[in-house]
Each structure stands twice: as structure tokens, then as C-alpha cells.
Amino acid sequence: MINPNPAKIESILNSSIQFAVPRYQREFTWGKSEALEFFEDLKSYTELETGGLFLGTLIFDISEERQKKIKVVDGQQRLTTILLLLIACRNLAKKSKAARIAQKIQEKITFEDPTTAESLGPRLIASESVKDVFEEISKYEWNGEFTPKIGNKHVKLQIRRIKPIYDYFYNEIKSFDKAKLSNFLKVIYESYVVRIDIQDEVEAFSIFERTNARGVDLEASDLLKNYLFSRGVEGLEEAWP
């Protein structure tokens, strides 16, 4: 049984469970053009006093939830991009000496040891195509510089996927003062998705194949879209892209 539920980005990123992009997923493919559209949508909500921006559907395989891990069946592009934006916001807060804001953002990006504040790993295990660089820049101590090797591994190809998006986000927000940054973070956190949890890996593969059929982008399929509308999710008709 598919049970869609509205969920704010803040609640998803406050989860005590790690999200992982399974190996059967395609690579992280969003680039600067998708990042630009995403950022402009968010920015348009900074002047509104209504509800948050609707970001579509996220589908999670929760069959391994007891092991504190959830697989991302649909939505890795958006989830990865949201976290890249938060990394840019965190680095701006650090540079602006807004340490408390930076630390609060970091709590969304990684799990932390409550006694030492040290990172226990990223909240998202990203696609293999960007995994090493994503994990590196997720660390609080990352200074904004991309290096071609992490340990003994060459990561130039991974950098080519992530760096243009990160650079775009940082350049767009670097003039924000503390108040504007806080307002922008509120918009990110109050943005929402329709979350669908499934509990069977076979079903996950089936949904993945349907949403990927004939080269269709990994967004919600028409079947899921029709199902959500039939459930009468509030505000869906106006917000669905």
C-alpha cells in the first residue's frame, strides 16, 4: 500500500536515519541550469508569507529502517542539490562569523557526536558518481577548496559534477547578511514534498523502472501523480510542476 504524506524538508533532514542512493540508481546528473531554476524558485518564496515551496515527490525504501538506513528510490537529484545548497549556506555562515547558524546547518548535513560535535558521517550517502567529494565537502571543517585527490583517489570527474552547482549557489548567496541568510534558510526548511515510503525492495525496483522508462527523468510517474491527486493532497493541484 502506497501512503503519500506531506513532509517538510526540515523534518526529513532532522531524521535520525541516514539516506542512501542505492547502486541501481542513475548518476547525479543535475547541473547549473537545474540549480539555477531550483534557486530562483526558492528565492521567489523569500518575499511571501504563505506556505513553503512544493518540491515534488520523494520515494523512500524503508525496508532497512531498523538498520538506520533508508534508500532513495526517487528524488536523489533534489535531495543532493538541497544539501549542496545547505553546504554553501553553512560556509557563508562560517565566513560571516555566524558560528551558531553554521552549526545548526551542519546538523542537517551530517550526523554528529553529541559529546564532541564531531561528524559521524553525511546524512546522505550520495550517488557513486559524486560520493567521495560530497562526503568531503559535507564536513564542517571543509574550507571551500576542491582538491583533485581525496586520500589516494582521484576525484576530478566528481568535482566536475558538484563544483559548478556549489559555486553557483555560493555566488548567489555570498552577499546575504545574517538576517537574509536566516530568512532564506527558513524558506528551504519549510519547503515540502509528498513523501512515499515503501517497504519492499521488489516494489522499489518496480517503481524505479517505471519512473525511468524510455529515458523519462527520475520524477514521479504519471501513475503516482494520478494517485496523489486521487488522495486529495492539499495544495497539490496548484503546486505540481
Protein backbone atom coordinates (compact mmCIF):
# COMPACT_ATOMS: atom_id res chain seq x y z
CA MET A 1 0.00 0.00 0.00
CA ILE A 2 1.34 3.40 -1.03
CA ASN A 3 0.63 6.08 1.57
CA PRO A 4 1.73 9.57 0.48
CA ASN A 5 2.26 12.13 3.22
CA PRO A 6 3.31 15.79 3.03
CA ALA A 7 6.67 16.35 4.74
CA LYS A 8 8.76 19.48 5.23
CA ILE A 9 12.42 19.39 4.21
CA GLU A 10 13.32 20.30 7.79
CA SER A 11 11.62 17.19 9.17
CA ILE A 12 13.34 14.97 6.60
CA LEU A 13 16.77 16.43 7.42
CA ASN A 14 16.12 16.15 11.16
CA SER A 15 15.69 12.40 10.82
CA SER A 16 17.94 10.15 12.88
CA ILE A 17 18.21 7.81 9.90
CA GLN A 18 20.75 8.02 7.07
CA PHE A 19 19.54 8.30 3.49
CA ALA A 20 21.39 6.38 0.79
CA VAL A 21 21.23 6.43 -3.00
CA PRO A 22 21.17 2.73 -3.98
CA ARG A 23 23.60 1.44 -6.59
CA TYR A 24 20.83 0.72 -9.09
CA GLN A 25 20.10 4.43 -9.30
CA ARG A 26 21.45 6.53 -12.15
CA GLU A 27 24.23 9.05 -11.60
CA PHE A 28 23.83 12.50 -10.14
CA THR A 29 23.07 14.46 -13.32
CA TRP A 30 21.78 17.87 -12.26
CA GLY A 31 23.88 20.77 -13.45
CA LYS A 32 23.95 24.54 -13.20
CA SER A 33 20.73 25.06 -15.20
CA GLU A 34 18.72 22.86 -12.83
CA ALA A 35 20.41 24.52 -9.84
CA LEU A 36 19.52 27.97 -11.21
CA GLU A 37 15.85 27.05 -11.63
CA PHE A 38 15.75 25.49 -8.17
CA PHE A 39 17.40 28.52 -6.55
CA GLU A 40 15.12 31.01 -8.32
CA ASP A 41 12.06 29.08 -7.15
CA LEU A 42 13.30 29.22 -3.57
CA LYS A 43 14.24 32.90 -3.81
CA SER A 44 10.76 33.78 -5.05
CA TYR A 45 9.35 32.49 -1.76
CA THR A 46 11.54 34.68 0.45
CA GLU A 47 9.12 37.58 -0.04
CA LEU A 48 5.97 35.54 0.54
CA GLU A 49 4.27 34.83 3.84
CA THR A 50 2.38 31.79 2.62
CA GLY A 51 3.29 28.11 2.83
CA GLY A 52 6.51 26.62 1.58
CA LEU A 53 7.56 25.71 -1.94
CA PHE A 54 6.37 22.33 -3.21
CA LEU A 55 9.33 20.25 -4.43
CA GLY A 56 7.55 17.21 -5.81
CA THR A 57 7.64 13.63 -4.60
CA LEU A 58 10.31 11.73 -2.68
CA ILE A 59 10.04 7.95 -2.63
CA PHE A 60 11.94 6.03 0.04
CA ASP A 61 12.53 2.31 0.51
CA ILE A 62 12.30 1.85 4.29
CA SER A 63 12.88 -1.91 4.31
CA GLU A 64 16.21 -1.38 6.15
CA GLU A 65 14.91 1.29 8.52
CA ARG A 66 15.81 -0.82 11.55
CA GLN A 67 19.44 -0.58 10.43
CA LYS A 68 19.06 3.22 10.49
CA LYS A 69 19.19 3.49 6.70
CA ILE A 70 16.61 4.50 4.09
CA LYS A 71 17.16 4.10 0.34
CA VAL A 72 16.23 6.95 -2.00
CA VAL A 73 14.14 5.42 -4.80
CA ASP A 74 13.12 8.73 -6.38
CA GLY A 75 14.41 12.20 -5.53
CA GLN A 76 18.20 11.87 -5.29
CA GLN A 77 18.76 14.85 -7.62
CA ARG A 78 16.68 17.18 -5.45
CA LEU A 79 17.91 15.82 -2.14
CA THR A 80 21.57 16.06 -3.16
CA THR A 81 21.05 19.58 -4.52
CA ILE A 82 19.30 20.75 -1.36
CA LEU A 83 22.25 19.56 0.70
CA LEU A 84 24.74 21.24 -1.66
CA LEU A 85 22.83 24.48 -1.12
CA LEU A 86 22.96 24.00 2.64
CA ILE A 87 26.72 23.38 2.43
CA ALA A 88 27.06 26.73 0.65
CA CYS A 89 24.90 28.38 3.33
CA ARG A 90 26.99 26.79 6.07
CA ASN A 91 30.23 28.06 4.56
CA LEU A 92 28.80 31.56 4.23
CA ALA A 93 27.73 31.48 7.87
CA LYS A 94 31.23 30.37 8.89
CA LYS A 95 32.82 33.15 6.84
CA SER A 96 30.38 35.68 8.32
CA LYS A 97 31.29 34.51 11.82
CA ALA A 98 27.75 33.33 12.44
CA ALA A 99 29.01 30.17 14.12
CA ARG A 100 25.72 29.19 15.76
CA ILE A 101 23.87 29.34 12.43
CA ALA A 102 26.67 27.37 10.75
CA GLN A 103 26.48 24.69 13.43
CA LYS A 104 22.71 24.41 13.14
CA ILE A 105 23.01 23.99 9.38
CA GLN A 106 25.66 21.34 9.92
CA GLU A 107 23.19 19.34 11.97
CA LYS A 108 21.13 18.97 8.79
CA ILE A 109 24.13 17.96 6.65
CA THR A 110 25.81 15.35 8.86
CA PHE A 111 25.22 13.28 11.95
CA GLU A 112 27.26 14.49 14.89
CA ASP A 113 28.55 13.06 18.14
CA PRO A 114 26.58 14.98 20.78
CA THR A 115 29.55 14.93 23.17
CA THR A 116 32.26 16.14 20.78
CA ALA A 117 30.29 17.78 17.91
CA GLU A 118 32.44 15.73 15.51
CA SER A 119 30.92 14.40 12.32
CA LEU A 120 29.69 10.81 12.30
CA GLY A 121 29.12 10.85 8.54
CA PRO A 122 26.88 12.57 5.98
CA ARG A 123 23.12 12.48 6.28
CA LEU A 124 23.03 11.38 2.63
CA ILE A 125 25.23 8.70 1.10
CA ALA A 126 25.24 10.20 -2.37
CA SER A 127 25.45 8.58 -5.79
CA GLU A 128 28.72 6.79 -6.53
CA SER A 129 29.32 9.43 -9.22
CA VAL A 130 29.83 12.13 -6.55
CA LYS A 131 30.04 10.18 -3.30
CA ASP A 132 33.63 10.90 -2.23
CA VAL A 133 33.55 14.64 -2.94
CA PHE A 134 30.10 15.02 -1.43
CA GLU A 135 31.23 13.35 1.79
CA GLU A 136 34.36 15.53 1.92
CA ILE A 137 32.55 18.85 1.48
CA SER A 138 29.88 17.79 3.97
CA LYS A 139 32.46 18.02 6.75
CA TYR A 140 32.23 21.15 8.88
CA GLU A 141 35.93 21.87 8.51
CA TRP A 142 35.85 21.91 4.69
CA ASN A 143 37.14 25.31 3.60
CA GLY A 144 35.52 25.61 0.18
CA GLU A 145 38.51 24.37 -1.82
CA PHE A 146 38.12 21.37 -4.14
CA THR A 147 41.22 19.17 -4.35
CA PRO A 148 41.75 16.68 -7.20
CA LYS A 149 42.58 13.83 -4.80
CA ILE A 150 40.93 12.59 -1.65
CA GLY A 151 43.38 10.29 0.04
CA ASN A 152 44.79 8.23 -2.84
CA LYS A 153 41.70 8.56 -5.02
CA HIS A 154 41.47 10.92 -7.98
CA VAL A 155 38.12 12.73 -7.93
CA LYS A 156 38.31 15.21 -10.82
CA LEU A 157 35.23 13.75 -12.51
CA GLN A 158 33.25 14.01 -9.28
CA ILE A 159 34.36 17.61 -8.85
CA ARG A 160 33.13 18.45 -12.36
CA ARG A 161 29.64 17.37 -11.33
CA ILE A 162 29.48 19.13 -7.97
CA LYS A 163 31.67 22.22 -8.17
CA PRO A 164 29.61 24.22 -10.72
CA ILE A 165 26.49 23.80 -8.59
CA TYR A 166 28.23 24.66 -5.33
CA ASP A 167 29.97 27.68 -6.90
CA TYR A 168 26.70 28.94 -8.36
CA PHE A 169 24.90 28.66 -5.03
CA TYR A 170 27.69 30.32 -3.08
CA ASN A 171 28.00 33.21 -5.53
CA GLU A 172 24.24 33.79 -5.33
CA ILE A 173 24.15 33.97 -1.53
CA LYS A 174 27.56 35.48 -0.68
CA SER A 175 26.08 38.98 -0.29
CA PHE A 176 23.45 37.80 2.22
CA ASP A 177 23.72 39.32 5.67
CA LYS A 178 22.78 37.27 8.73
CA ALA A 179 19.09 38.21 8.60
CA LYS A 180 18.74 37.45 4.89
CA LEU A 181 20.55 34.14 5.28
CA SER A 182 18.26 33.16 8.15
CA ASN A 183 15.19 34.03 6.10
CA PHE A 184 16.48 32.02 3.16
CA LEU A 185 17.16 29.01 5.39
CA LYS A 186 13.59 29.23 6.65
CA VAL A 187 12.34 29.01 3.06
CA ILE A 188 14.47 25.91 2.45
CA TYR A 189 13.33 24.18 5.63
CA GLU A 190 9.64 24.99 5.11
CA SER A 191 9.65 23.74 1.52
CA TYR A 192 7.85 20.44 1.35
CA VAL A 193 7.46 17.26 -0.62
CA VAL A 194 4.98 14.45 -0.80
CA ARG A 195 6.81 11.58 0.84
CA ILE A 196 6.04 7.99 -0.10
CA ASP A 197 7.53 5.16 1.96
CA ILE A 198 7.61 1.65 0.55
CA GLN A 199 8.67 -1.43 2.49
CA ASP A 200 9.65 -3.88 -0.19
CA GLU A 201 12.78 -3.81 -2.36
CA VAL A 202 10.98 -5.52 -5.25
CA GLU A 203 8.45 -2.71 -5.23
CA ALA A 204 11.33 -0.22 -5.16
CA PHE A 205 12.81 -1.74 -8.32
CA SER A 206 9.39 -1.73 -9.97
CA ILE A 207 8.84 1.97 -9.22
CA PHE A 208 12.39 2.78 -10.29
CA GLU A 209 11.89 1.02 -13.64
CA ARG A 210 8.56 2.76 -14.25
CA THR A 211 9.91 6.22 -13.49
CA ASN A 212 12.95 5.52 -15.67
CA ALA A 213 11.01 4.01 -18.56
CA ARG A 214 12.05 5.22 -22.02
CA GLY A 215 14.52 7.70 -20.61
CA VAL A 216 11.99 9.68 -18.55
CA ASP A 217 13.64 11.83 -15.86
CA LEU A 218 13.52 10.42 -12.38
CA GLU A 219 10.47 12.33 -11.27
CA ALA A 220 7.14 10.96 -10.07
CA SER A 221 5.44 8.88 -12.74
CA ASP A 222 2.01 9.67 -14.11
CA LEU A 223 0.70 6.74 -12.11
CA LEU A 224 1.96 8.21 -8.85
CA LYS A 225 0.82 11.68 -9.84
CA ASN A 226 -2.70 10.46 -10.51
CA TYR A 227 -2.66 8.53 -7.24
CA LEU A 228 -1.65 11.62 -5.26
CA PHE A 229 -4.39 13.67 -6.85
CA SER A 230 -6.90 10.94 -6.06
CA ARG A 231 -5.85 11.17 -2.41
CA GLY A 232 -6.66 14.87 -2.38
CA VAL A 233 -3.31 16.10 -1.04
CA GLU A 234 -3.89 19.74 -0.10
CA GLY A 235 -2.42 22.33 -2.46
CA LEU A 236 -1.14 19.74 -4.94
CA GLU A 237 -3.12 20.97 -7.96
CA GLU A 238 -1.67 24.50 -7.78
CA ALA A 239 1.85 23.46 -6.87
CA TRP A 240 2.51 20.44 -9.08
CA PRO A 241 5.21 21.43 -11.63
